Protein backbone atom coordinates (compact mmCIF):
# COMPACT_ATOMS: atom_id res chain seq x y z
CA UNK A 1 0.06 -0.02 0.09
CA UNK A 2 1.29 3.39 -1.00
CA UNK A 3 0.93 6.23 1.58
CA UNK A 4 0.85 9.67 0.19
CA UNK A 5 1.62 12.76 2.22
CA UNK A 6 -0.73 15.85 1.82
CA UNK A 7 -0.40 19.26 3.44
CA UNK A 8 -4.20 19.36 3.84
CA UNK A 9 -5.98 18.58 7.04
CA UNK A 10 -9.46 18.19 8.30
CA UNK A 11 -11.32 21.44 8.73
CA UNK A 12 -9.23 23.51 6.28
CA UNK A 13 -10.80 25.59 3.60
CA UNK A 14 -9.96 24.48 -0.04
CA UNK A 15 -10.72 25.30 -3.75
CA UNK A 16 -10.36 22.90 -6.62
CA UNK A 17 -7.72 24.07 -8.99
CA UNK A 18 -9.73 23.14 -12.04
CA UNK A 19 -13.15 23.46 -11.02
CA UNK A 20 -13.63 27.04 -9.59
CA UNK A 21 -17.29 26.79 -10.16
CA UNK A 22 -17.60 24.43 -7.17
CA UNK A 23 -16.82 27.32 -4.88
CA UNK A 24 -15.13 26.92 -1.53
CA UNK A 25 -14.95 23.69 0.16
CA UNK A 26 -14.06 22.30 3.63
CA UNK A 27 -11.93 19.22 4.05
CA UNK A 28 -13.95 16.62 6.15
CA UNK A 29 -11.49 13.74 5.99
CA UNK A 30 -8.04 12.82 4.62
CA UNK A 31 -7.10 9.03 4.21
CA UNK A 32 -3.85 7.34 4.10
CA UNK A 33 -3.98 6.84 0.37
CA UNK A 34 -4.30 10.53 -0.36
CA UNK A 35 -8.06 10.65 -1.10
CA UNK A 36 -9.53 13.76 0.42
CA UNK A 37 -13.22 14.31 1.14
CA UNK A 38 -14.53 17.74 0.84
CA UNK A 39 -17.91 19.36 1.14
CA UNK A 40 -18.28 22.17 -1.32
CA UNK A 41 -20.88 25.09 -1.38
CA UNK A 42 -24.45 23.72 -1.64
CA UNK A 43 -23.58 20.65 0.41
CA UNK A 44 -21.87 18.90 -2.44
CA UNK A 45 -19.79 16.27 -0.83
CA UNK A 46 -16.85 14.65 -3.04
CA UNK A 47 -14.08 12.30 -2.61
CA UNK A 48 -11.09 13.31 -4.62
CA UNK A 49 -8.32 10.75 -5.14
CA UNK A 50 -4.88 12.20 -4.87
CA UNK A 51 -6.62 15.45 -3.58
CA UNK A 52 -3.41 17.01 -2.67
CA UNK A 53 -2.75 17.52 -6.44
CA UNK A 54 -6.00 19.20 -7.21
CA UNK A 55 -6.89 21.16 -4.07
CA UNK A 56 -5.31 24.43 -2.92
CA UNK A 57 -5.66 25.79 0.63
CA UNK A 58 -7.56 29.04 1.00
CA UNK A 59 -6.32 31.25 3.79
């Protein structure tokens, strides 16, 4: 099993790099394989494989 390191943690605000129309999201879970679960505006919940590549932290 490959374990990926991501700089994102549960509770952080994020935006998808290629899907700005999804709006702001909040990280609700990060698993050991790098899949990140995010809830975006409008209660749209998504699991993003290798999420660290596609999500950027919003300060």
